Amino acid sequence: VLWRKVHGSPGQVRDVAESVSESA
């Protein structure tokens, strides 16, 4: 499993996650 760790605020994490086309 590839675990992507985003260092930043929750808003930055949400921006990265929303860029993913897969379902939530």
PDB file of all heavy atoms in Angstrom:
ATOM      1  N   VAL A   1       0.852  -1.184   0.000  1.00  0.00           N
ATOM      2  CA  VAL A   1       0.000   0.000   0.000  1.00  0.00           C
ATOM      3  C   VAL A   1       0.892   1.239   0.000  1.00  0.00           C
ATOM      4  O   VAL A   1       1.843   1.336   0.778  1.00  0.00           O
ATOM      5  CB  VAL A   1      -0.941   0.017   1.228  1.00  0.00           C
ATOM      6  CG1 VAL A   1      -1.788   1.280   1.240  1.00  0.00           C
ATOM      7  CG2 VAL A   1      -1.824  -1.221   1.210  1.00  0.00           C
ATOM      8  N   LEU A   2       0.587   2.179  -0.874  1.00  0.00           N
ATOM      9  CA  LEU A   2       1.314   3.451  -0.916  1.00  0.00           C
ATOM     10  C   LEU A   2       0.572   4.470  -0.050  1.00  0.00           C
ATOM     11  O   LEU A   2      -0.581   4.791  -0.297  1.00  0.00           O
ATOM     12  CB  LEU A   2       1.396   3.967  -2.365  1.00  0.00           C
ATOM     13  CG  LEU A   2       2.028   5.350  -2.535  1.00  0.00           C
ATOM     14  CD1 LEU A   2       3.474   5.353  -2.043  1.00  0.00           C
ATOM     15  CD2 LEU A   2       1.959   5.775  -4.003  1.00  0.00           C
ATOM     16  N   TRP A   3       1.253   4.925   0.973  1.00  0.00           N
ATOM     17  CA  TRP A   3       0.665   5.888   1.906  1.00  0.00           C
ATOM     18  C   TRP A   3       1.290   7.260   1.632  1.00  0.00           C
ATOM     19  O   TRP A   3       2.486   7.460   1.849  1.00  0.00           O
ATOM     20  CB  TRP A   3       0.943   5.455   3.344  1.00  0.00           C
ATOM     21  CG  TRP A   3       0.308   6.335   4.394  1.00  0.00           C
ATOM     22  CD1 TRP A   3      -0.628   7.296   4.206  1.00  0.00           C
ATOM     23  CD2 TRP A   3       0.602   6.332   5.785  1.00  0.00           C
ATOM     24  NE1 TRP A   3      -0.964   7.897   5.380  1.00  0.00           N
ATOM     25  CE2 TRP A   3      -0.224   7.312   6.382  1.00  0.00           C
ATOM     26  CE3 TRP A   3       1.450   5.583   6.592  1.00  0.00           C
ATOM     27  CZ2 TRP A   3      -0.198   7.579   7.739  1.00  0.00           C
ATOM     28  CZ3 TRP A   3       1.477   5.841   7.934  1.00  0.00           C
ATOM     29  CH2 TRP A   3       0.654   6.826   8.508  1.00  0.00           C
ATOM     30  N   ARG A   4       0.442   8.189   1.160  1.00  0.00           N
ATOM     31  CA  ARG A   4       0.909   9.539   0.876  1.00  0.00           C
ATOM     32  C   ARG A   4       0.648  10.411   2.105  1.00  0.00           C
ATOM     33  O   ARG A   4      -0.483  10.556   2.553  1.00  0.00           O
ATOM     34  CB  ARG A   4       0.186  10.133  -0.333  1.00  0.00           C
ATOM     35  CG  ARG A   4       0.633  11.566  -0.642  1.00  0.00           C
ATOM     36  CD  ARG A   4      -0.253  12.236  -1.688  1.00  0.00           C
ATOM     37  NE  ARG A   4      -0.037  11.684  -2.995  1.00  0.00           N
ATOM     38  CZ  ARG A   4      -0.949  11.023  -3.704  1.00  0.00           C
ATOM     39  NH1 ARG A   4      -2.153  10.830  -3.179  1.00  0.00           N
ATOM     40  NH2 ARG A   4      -0.698  10.581  -4.921  1.00  0.00           N
ATOM     41  N   LYS A   5       1.714  10.960   2.651  1.00  0.00           N
ATOM     42  CA  LYS A   5       1.614  11.840   3.810  1.00  0.00           C
ATOM     43  C   LYS A   5       1.785  13.292   3.346  1.00  0.00           C
ATOM     44  O   LYS A   5       2.801  13.640   2.750  1.00  0.00           O
ATOM     45  CB  LYS A   5       2.686  11.514   4.853  1.00  0.00           C
ATOM     46  CG  LYS A   5       2.573  10.112   5.440  1.00  0.00           C
ATOM     47  CD  LYS A   5       3.676   9.871   6.463  1.00  0.00           C
ATOM     48  CE  LYS A   5       3.581   8.480   7.064  1.00  0.00           C
ATOM     49  NZ  LYS A   5       4.663   8.226   8.059  1.00  0.00           N
ATOM     50  N   VAL A   6       0.782  14.103   3.612  1.00  0.00           N
ATOM     51  CA  VAL A   6       0.811  15.517   3.235  1.00  0.00           C
ATOM     52  C   VAL A   6       1.034  16.343   4.497  1.00  0.00           C
ATOM     53  O   VAL A   6       0.223  16.285   5.445  1.00  0.00           O
ATOM     54  CB  VAL A   6      -0.501  15.935   2.543  1.00  0.00           C
ATOM     55  CG1 VAL A   6      -0.452  17.417   2.183  1.00  0.00           C
ATOM     56  CG2 VAL A   6      -0.726  15.096   1.308  1.00  0.00           C
ATOM     57  N   HIS A   7       2.137  17.055   4.527  1.00  0.00           N
ATOM     58  CA  HIS A   7       2.469  17.892   5.684  1.00  0.00           C
ATOM     59  C   HIS A   7       1.857  19.279   5.466  1.00  0.00           C
ATOM     60  O   HIS A   7       2.245  20.021   4.574  1.00  0.00           O
ATOM     61  CB  HIS A   7       3.988  18.011   5.845  1.00  0.00           C
ATOM     62  CG  HIS A   7       4.666  16.681   6.012  1.00  0.00           C
ATOM     63  ND1 HIS A   7       4.726  16.016   7.208  1.00  0.00           N
ATOM     64  CD2 HIS A   7       5.285  15.887   5.103  1.00  0.00           C
ATOM     65  CE1 HIS A   7       5.382  14.872   7.055  1.00  0.00           C
ATOM     66  NE2 HIS A   7       5.730  14.769   5.770  1.00  0.00           N
ATOM     67  N   GLY A   8       0.890  19.613   6.262  1.00  0.00           N
ATOM     68  CA  GLY A   8       0.240  20.911   6.105  1.00  0.00           C
ATOM     69  C   GLY A   8      -1.075  20.927   6.862  1.00  0.00           C
ATOM     70  O   GLY A   8      -1.389  20.046   7.662  1.00  0.00           O
ATOM     71  N   SER A   9      -1.859  21.942   6.586  1.00  0.00           N
ATOM     72  CA  SER A   9      -3.134  22.099   7.263  1.00  0.00           C
ATOM     73  C   SER A   9      -4.166  21.134   6.688  1.00  0.00           C
ATOM     74  O   SER A   9      -3.969  20.569   5.602  1.00  0.00           O
ATOM     75  CB  SER A   9      -3.631  23.540   7.093  1.00  0.00           C
ATOM     76  OG  SER A   9      -3.865  23.807   5.698  1.00  0.00           O
ATOM     77  N   PRO A  10      -5.293  20.931   7.418  1.00  0.00           N
ATOM     78  CA  PRO A  10      -6.353  20.065   6.878  1.00  0.00           C
ATOM     79  C   PRO A  10      -6.866  20.539   5.528  1.00  0.00           C
ATOM     80  O   PRO A  10      -7.262  19.737   4.684  1.00  0.00           O
ATOM     81  CB  PRO A  10      -7.437  20.136   7.953  1.00  0.00           C
ATOM     82  CG  PRO A  10      -6.702  20.458   9.207  1.00  0.00           C
ATOM     83  CD  PRO A  10      -5.565  21.367   8.797  1.00  0.00           C
ATOM     84  N   GLY A  11      -6.844  21.843   5.287  1.00  0.00           N
ATOM     85  CA  GLY A  11      -7.289  22.333   3.985  1.00  0.00           C
ATOM     86  C   GLY A  11      -6.376  21.871   2.868  1.00  0.00           C
ATOM     87  O   GLY A  11      -6.834  21.526   1.769  1.00  0.00           O
ATOM     88  N   GLN A  12      -5.062  21.841   3.126  1.00  0.00           N
ATOM     89  CA  GLN A  12      -4.115  21.358   2.115  1.00  0.00           C
ATOM     90  C   GLN A  12      -4.327  19.858   1.845  1.00  0.00           C
ATOM     91  O   GLN A  12      -4.250  19.401   0.715  1.00  0.00           O
ATOM     92  CB  GLN A  12      -2.682  21.628   2.579  1.00  0.00           C
ATOM     93  CG  GLN A  12      -2.319  23.107   2.618  1.00  0.00           C
ATOM     94  CD  GLN A  12      -0.935  23.326   3.187  1.00  0.00           C
ATOM     95  OE1 GLN A  12      -0.534  22.673   4.148  1.00  0.00           O
ATOM     96  NE2 GLN A  12      -0.205  24.280   2.609  1.00  0.00           N
ATOM     97  N   VAL A  13      -4.598  19.128   2.915  1.00  0.00           N
ATOM     98  CA  VAL A  13      -4.856  17.689   2.737  1.00  0.00           C
ATOM     99  C   VAL A  13      -6.095  17.487   1.891  1.00  0.00           C
ATOM    100  O   VAL A  13      -6.150  16.641   0.987  1.00  0.00           O
ATOM    101  CB  VAL A  13      -4.989  16.995   4.105  1.00  0.00           C
ATOM    102  CG1 VAL A  13      -5.362  15.522   3.925  1.00  0.00           C
ATOM    103  CG2 VAL A  13      -3.707  17.122   4.902  1.00  0.00           C
ATOM    104  N   ARG A  14      -7.136  18.320   2.142  1.00  0.00           N
ATOM    105  CA  ARG A  14      -8.373  18.188   1.392  1.00  0.00           C
ATOM    106  C   ARG A  14      -8.156  18.541  -0.080  1.00  0.00           C
ATOM    107  O   ARG A  14      -8.701  17.901  -0.983  1.00  0.00           O
ATOM    108  CB  ARG A  14      -9.432  19.093   2.006  1.00  0.00           C
ATOM    109  CG  ARG A  14     -10.807  18.925   1.348  1.00  0.00           C
ATOM    110  CD  ARG A  14     -11.894  19.657   2.141  1.00  0.00           C
ATOM    111  NE  ARG A  14     -11.560  21.062   2.378  1.00  0.00           N
ATOM    112  CZ  ARG A  14     -11.147  21.560   3.541  1.00  0.00           C
ATOM    113  NH1 ARG A  14     -11.030  20.764   4.598  1.00  0.00           N
ATOM    114  NH2 ARG A  14     -10.870  22.851   3.683  1.00  0.00           N
ATOM    115  N   ASP A  15      -7.336  19.554  -0.339  1.00  0.00           N
ATOM    116  CA  ASP A  15      -7.067  19.928  -1.728  1.00  0.00           C
ATOM    117  C   ASP A  15      -6.371  18.798  -2.482  1.00  0.00           C
ATOM    118  O   ASP A  15      -6.689  18.519  -3.645  1.00  0.00           O
ATOM    119  CB  ASP A  15      -6.203  21.191  -1.769  1.00  0.00           C
ATOM    120  CG  ASP A  15      -6.958  22.407  -1.240  1.00  0.00           C
ATOM    121  OD1 ASP A  15      -8.208  22.342  -1.228  1.00  0.00           O
ATOM    122  OD2 ASP A  15      -6.294  23.369  -0.824  1.00  0.00           O
ATOM    123  N   VAL A  16      -5.416  18.124  -1.801  1.00  0.00           N
ATOM    124  CA  VAL A  16      -4.719  17.013  -2.459  1.00  0.00           C
ATOM    125  C   VAL A  16      -5.679  15.849  -2.692  1.00  0.00           C
ATOM    126  O   VAL A  16      -5.693  15.214  -3.740  1.00  0.00           O
ATOM    127  CB  VAL A  16      -3.506  16.569  -1.629  1.00  0.00           C
ATOM    128  CG1 VAL A  16      -2.869  15.318  -2.223  1.00  0.00           C
ATOM    129  CG2 VAL A  16      -2.491  17.699  -1.551  1.00  0.00           C
ATOM    130  N   ALA A  17      -6.525  15.561  -1.690  1.00  0.00           N
ATOM    131  CA  ALA A  17      -7.453  14.441  -1.818  1.00  0.00           C
ATOM    132  C   ALA A  17      -8.487  14.678  -2.899  1.00  0.00           C
ATOM    133  O   ALA A  17      -8.883  13.775  -3.626  1.00  0.00           O
ATOM    134  CB  ALA A  17      -8.147  14.177  -0.479  1.00  0.00           C
ATOM    135  N   GLU A  18      -8.915  15.948  -3.031  1.00  0.00           N
ATOM    136  CA  GLU A  18      -9.927  16.248  -4.034  1.00  0.00           C
ATOM    137  C   GLU A  18      -9.377  16.170  -5.446  1.00  0.00           C
ATOM    138  O   GLU A  18     -10.136  16.027  -6.404  1.00  0.00           O
ATOM    139  CB  GLU A  18     -10.503  17.648  -3.785  1.00  0.00           C
ATOM    140  CG  GLU A  18     -11.392  17.715  -2.559  1.00  0.00           C
ATOM    141  CD  GLU A  18     -11.892  19.122  -2.292  1.00  0.00           C
ATOM    142  OE1 GLU A  18     -11.403  20.038  -2.992  1.00  0.00           O
ATOM    143  OE2 GLU A  18     -12.746  19.296  -1.403  1.00  0.00           O
ATOM    144  N   SER A  19      -8.062  16.251  -5.551  1.00  0.00           N
ATOM    145  CA  SER A  19      -7.468  16.137  -6.878  1.00  0.00           C
ATOM    146  C   SER A  19      -7.444  14.691  -7.383  1.00  0.00           C
ATOM    147  O   SER A  19      -7.142  14.434  -8.540  1.00  0.00           O
ATOM    148  CB  SER A  19      -6.040  16.703  -6.860  1.00  0.00           C
ATOM    149  OG  SER A  19      -5.210  15.916  -6.013  1.00  0.00           O
ATOM    150  N   VAL A  20      -7.748  13.758  -6.471  1.00  0.00           N
ATOM    151  CA  VAL A  20      -7.779  12.338  -6.840  1.00  0.00           C
ATOM    152  C   VAL A  20      -9.134  12.020  -7.439  1.00  0.00           C
ATOM    153  O   VAL A  20     -10.171  12.416  -6.904  1.00  0.00           O
ATOM    154  CB  VAL A  20      -7.510  11.441  -5.604  1.00  0.00           C
ATOM    155  CG1 VAL A  20      -7.541   9.976  -6.003  1.00  0.00           C
ATOM    156  CG2 VAL A  20      -6.169  11.798  -5.006  1.00  0.00           C
ATOM    157  N   SER A  21      -9.174  11.336  -8.539  1.00  0.00           N
ATOM    158  CA  SER A  21     -10.432  11.064  -9.235  1.00  0.00           C
ATOM    159  C   SER A  21     -11.206   9.894  -8.656  1.00  0.00           C
ATOM    160  O   SER A  21     -12.354   9.665  -9.043  1.00  0.00           O
ATOM    161  CB  SER A  21     -10.157  10.779 -10.724  1.00  0.00           C
ATOM    162  OG  SER A  21      -9.303   9.652 -10.860  1.00  0.00           O
ATOM    163  N   GLU A  22     -10.611   9.143  -7.747  1.00  0.00           N
ATOM    164  CA  GLU A  22     -11.303   7.984  -7.191  1.00  0.00           C
ATOM    165  C   GLU A  22     -12.369   8.441  -6.212  1.00  0.00           C
ATOM    166  O   GLU A  22     -12.341   9.563  -5.695  1.00  0.00           O
ATOM    167  CB  GLU A  22     -10.324   7.038  -6.478  1.00  0.00           C
ATOM    168  CG  GLU A  22      -9.250   6.446  -7.398  1.00  0.00           C
ATOM    169  CD  GLU A  22      -9.839   5.498  -8.410  1.00  0.00           C
ATOM    170  OE1 GLU A  22     -10.880   4.884  -8.086  1.00  0.00           O
ATOM    171  OE2 GLU A  22      -9.302   5.373  -9.507  1.00  0.00           O
ATOM    172  N   SER A  23     -13.315   7.529  -5.887  1.00  0.00           N
ATOM    173  CA  SER A  23     -14.411   7.849  -4.981  1.00  0.00           C
ATOM    174  C   SER A  23     -13.909   7.977  -3.552  1.00  0.00           C
ATOM    175  O   SER A  23     -12.916   7.357  -3.164  1.00  0.00           O
ATOM    176  CB  SER A  23     -15.493   6.776  -5.057  1.00  0.00           C
ATOM    177  OG  SER A  23     -14.944   5.530  -4.685  1.00  0.00           O
ATOM    178  N   ALA A  24     -14.604   8.758  -2.748  1.00  0.00           N
ATOM    179  CA  ALA A  24     -14.199   8.997  -1.370  1.00  0.00           C
ATOM    180  C   ALA A  24     -14.668   7.874  -0.477  1.00  0.00           C
ATOM    181  O   ALA A  24     -15.710   7.279  -0.690  1.00  0.00           O
ATOM    182  CB  ALA A  24     -14.778  10.329  -0.879  1.00  0.00           C
TER     183      ALA A  24
END
